[in-house]
C-alpha atoms as a PDB file:
ATOM      1  CA  MET A   1       8.356  18.699   7.117  1.00  0.00           C
ATOM      2  CA  SER A   2      10.222  20.717   4.519  1.00  0.00           C
ATOM      3  CA  GLY A   3      10.155  24.352   3.647  1.00  0.00           C
ATOM      4  CA  VAL A   4      12.011  27.619   3.850  1.00  0.00           C
ATOM      5  CA  TRP A   5      12.213  29.940   6.831  1.00  0.00           C
ATOM      6  CA  VAL A   6      11.276  33.474   5.748  1.00  0.00           C
ATOM      7  CA  PHE A   7      12.114  36.549   7.822  1.00  0.00           C
ATOM      8  CA  LYS A   8       9.944  39.553   6.944  1.00  0.00           C
ATOM      9  CA  ASN A   9       9.018  42.658   8.947  1.00  0.00           C
ATOM     10  CA  GLY A  10      10.592  41.248  12.107  1.00  0.00           C
ATOM     11  CA  VAL A  11       8.627  37.989  11.904  1.00  0.00           C
ATOM     12  CA  ILE A  12      10.030  34.599  11.004  1.00  0.00           C
ATOM     13  CA  ARG A  13       7.767  31.899   9.588  1.00  0.00           C
ATOM     14  CA  LEU A  14       8.061  28.610   7.760  1.00  0.00           C
ATOM     15  CA  VAL A  15       6.857  28.624   4.165  1.00  0.00           C
ATOM     16  CA  GLU A  16       6.053  24.961   3.642  1.00  0.00           C
ATOM     17  CA  ASN A  17       6.233  24.700  -0.156  1.00  0.00           C
ATOM     18  CA  PRO A  18       7.997  27.801  -1.470  1.00  0.00           C
ATOM     19  CA  ALA A  19       8.039  26.694  -5.111  1.00  0.00           C
ATOM     20  CA  GLY A  20       4.446  25.521  -5.067  1.00  0.00           C
ATOM     21  CA  GLU A  21       5.508  21.886  -4.763  1.00  0.00           C
ATOM     22  CA  ARG A  22       2.825  19.716  -3.244  1.00  0.00           C
ATOM     23  CA  LYS A  23       3.152  16.614  -1.153  1.00  0.00           C
ATOM     24  CA  VAL A  24       0.818  13.661  -1.490  1.00  0.00           C
ATOM     25  CA  LEU A  25      -0.141  10.899   0.902  1.00  0.00           C
ATOM     26  CA  VAL A  26       0.270   7.425  -0.561  1.00  0.00           C
ATOM     27  CA  HIS A  27      -1.277   4.188   0.730  1.00  0.00           C
ATOM     28  CA  VAL A  28       1.776   1.913   0.515  1.00  0.00           C
ATOM     29  CA  PRO A  29       0.083  -1.502   0.086  1.00  0.00           C
ATOM     30  CA  THR A  30      -1.929  -0.369  -2.967  1.00  0.00           C
ATOM     31  CA  GLY A  31       0.119   2.597  -4.210  1.00  0.00           C
ATOM     32  CA  GLU A  32      -3.060   4.696  -4.142  1.00  0.00           C
ATOM     33  CA  VAL A  33      -2.558   8.457  -3.846  1.00  0.00           C
ATOM     34  CA  ILE A  34      -5.079   9.789  -1.348  1.00  0.00           C
ATOM     35  CA  SER A  35      -7.086  12.388  -3.248  1.00  0.00           C
ATOM     36  CA  SER A  36     -10.139  12.725  -1.005  1.00  0.00           C
ATOM     37  CA  TYR A  37     -11.234  12.234   2.558  1.00  0.00           C
ATOM     38  CA  SER A  38     -13.616   9.468   1.483  1.00  0.00           C
ATOM     39  CA  SER A  39     -10.732   7.325   0.203  1.00  0.00           C
ATOM     40  CA  LEU A  40      -8.678   8.124   3.316  1.00  0.00           C
ATOM     41  CA  GLU A  41     -11.592   7.256   5.609  1.00  0.00           C
ATOM     42  CA  ARG A  42     -12.160   3.944   3.798  1.00  0.00           C
ATOM     43  CA  ILE A  43      -8.535   2.933   4.399  1.00  0.00           C
ATOM     44  CA  LEU A  44      -8.441   4.194   7.992  1.00  0.00           C
ATOM     45  CA  ARG A  45     -11.637   2.301   8.847  1.00  0.00           C
ATOM     46  CA  GLY A  46     -10.028  -0.856   7.478  1.00  0.00           C
ATOM     47  CA  LEU A  47      -7.130  -0.255   9.877  1.00  0.00           C
ATOM     48  CA  GLY A  48      -9.449   0.025  12.886  1.00  0.00           C
ATOM     49  CA  TRP A  49      -9.826   3.820  13.042  1.00  0.00           C
ATOM     50  CA  GLU A  50     -13.272   5.206  13.869  1.00  0.00           C
ATOM     51  CA  ARG A  51     -14.771   8.644  13.255  1.00  0.00           C
ATOM     52  CA  TYR A  52     -14.761  10.893  16.289  1.00  0.00           C
ATOM     53  CA  TYR A  53     -17.494  13.550  16.170  1.00  0.00           C
ATOM     54  CA  GLN A  54     -16.421  15.781  19.071  1.00  0.00           C
ATOM     55  CA  ASP A  55     -15.379  18.884  17.074  1.00  0.00           C
ATOM     56  CA  PRO A  56     -17.599  20.009  14.150  1.00  0.00           C
ATOM     57  CA  ASP A  57     -14.732  22.027  12.620  1.00  0.00           C
ATOM     58  CA  LEU A  58     -12.461  19.003  12.261  1.00  0.00           C
ATOM     59  CA  LEU A  59     -12.541  15.568  10.721  1.00  0.00           C
ATOM     60  CA  GLN A  60     -11.204  13.294  13.459  1.00  0.00           C
ATOM     61  CA  PHE A  61     -10.405   9.602  13.809  1.00  0.00           C
ATOM     62  CA  HIS A  62      -9.431   7.559  16.849  1.00  0.00           C
ATOM     63  CA  LYS A  63      -8.574   3.970  17.663  1.00  0.00           C
ATOM     64  CA  THR A  64     -10.261   2.395  20.656  1.00  0.00           C
ATOM     65  CA  SER A  65      -7.087   0.382  21.284  1.00  0.00           C
ATOM     66  CA  SER A  66      -4.915   3.510  21.714  1.00  0.00           C
ATOM     67  CA  LEU A  67      -4.926   7.144  22.754  1.00  0.00           C
ATOM     68  CA  ASP A  68      -4.049   8.318  19.235  1.00  0.00           C
ATOM     69  CA  LEU A  69      -6.259  10.894  17.558  1.00  0.00           C
ATOM     70  CA  ILE A  70      -5.943  12.105  13.977  1.00  0.00           C
ATOM     71  CA  SER A  71      -7.339  15.626  13.490  1.00  0.00           C
ATOM     72  CA  LEU A  72      -7.754  16.988   9.982  1.00  0.00           C
ATOM     73  CA  PRO A  73      -9.191  20.220   8.591  1.00  0.00           C
ATOM     74  CA  ARG A  74     -12.761  19.682   7.410  1.00  0.00           C
ATOM     75  CA  ASP A  75     -11.906  21.003   3.900  1.00  0.00           C
ATOM     76  CA  PHE A  76      -9.614  18.632   1.956  1.00  0.00           C
ATOM     77  CA  SER A  77      -8.012  21.603   0.173  1.00  0.00           C
ATOM     78  CA  ASN A  78      -6.466  22.518   3.566  1.00  0.00           C
ATOM     79  CA  PHE A  79      -4.984  19.022   4.002  1.00  0.00           C
ATOM     80  CA  LYS A  80      -1.253  19.820   4.333  1.00  0.00           C
ATOM     81  CA  SER A  81       1.910  17.781   4.718  1.00  0.00           C
ATOM     82  CA  ILE A  82       1.855  18.216   8.503  1.00  0.00           C
ATOM     83  CA  HIS A  83      -1.459  16.308   8.572  1.00  0.00           C
ATOM     84  CA  MET A  84      -0.043  13.677   6.228  1.00  0.00           C
ATOM     85  CA  TYR A  85       2.996  13.101   8.444  1.00  0.00           C
ATOM     86  CA  ASP A  86       0.711  12.747  11.472  1.00  0.00           C
ATOM     87  CA  ILE A  87      -1.114   9.924   9.661  1.00  0.00           C
ATOM     88  CA  VAL A  88       2.196   8.305   8.672  1.00  0.00           C
ATOM     89  CA  VAL A  89       3.515   8.351  12.245  1.00  0.00           C
ATOM     90  CA  LYS A  90       0.309   6.805  13.608  1.00  0.00           C
ATOM     91  CA  ASN A  91       0.172   4.163  10.844  1.00  0.00           C
ATOM     92  CA  PRO A  92       3.757   3.015  10.258  1.00  0.00           C
ATOM     93  CA  ASN A  93       4.444   1.112   7.010  1.00  0.00           C
ATOM     94  CA  ILE A  94       0.912   1.835   5.753  1.00  0.00           C
ATOM     95  CA  PHE A  95       1.265   5.396   4.444  1.00  0.00           C
ATOM     96  CA  HIS A  96       4.088   7.398   2.887  1.00  0.00           C
ATOM     97  CA  VAL A  97       4.433  11.091   1.993  1.00  0.00           C
ATOM     98  CA  ARG A  98       6.130  11.985  -1.279  1.00  0.00           C
ATOM     99  CA  ASP A  99       6.420  14.896  -3.673  1.00  0.00           C
ATOM    100  CA  ASN A 100       3.607  15.169  -6.185  1.00  0.00           C
ATOM    101  CA  MET A 101       4.994  14.534  -9.645  1.00  0.00           C
END
């Protein structure tokens, strides 16, 4: 995760993309940039991930063969690099995060 630590009014916080740069999640085998949850879900289902409907505020996926759970904000506009890196870690060599060009 990249960003800049900002100290203001006695509080320190990480500003993820200070210059407005955006990260994108890329499906490595096809080179497809993930631009919606429907395209992400299609790929995850092909990898054996299933929807998990426990929390109505989140879009979640799990694999029956593992304890891994991917939790995403319901609104794709809130899909941040931290969520992307979670997907990358749980699906090595399948996804990659890069700067949006």
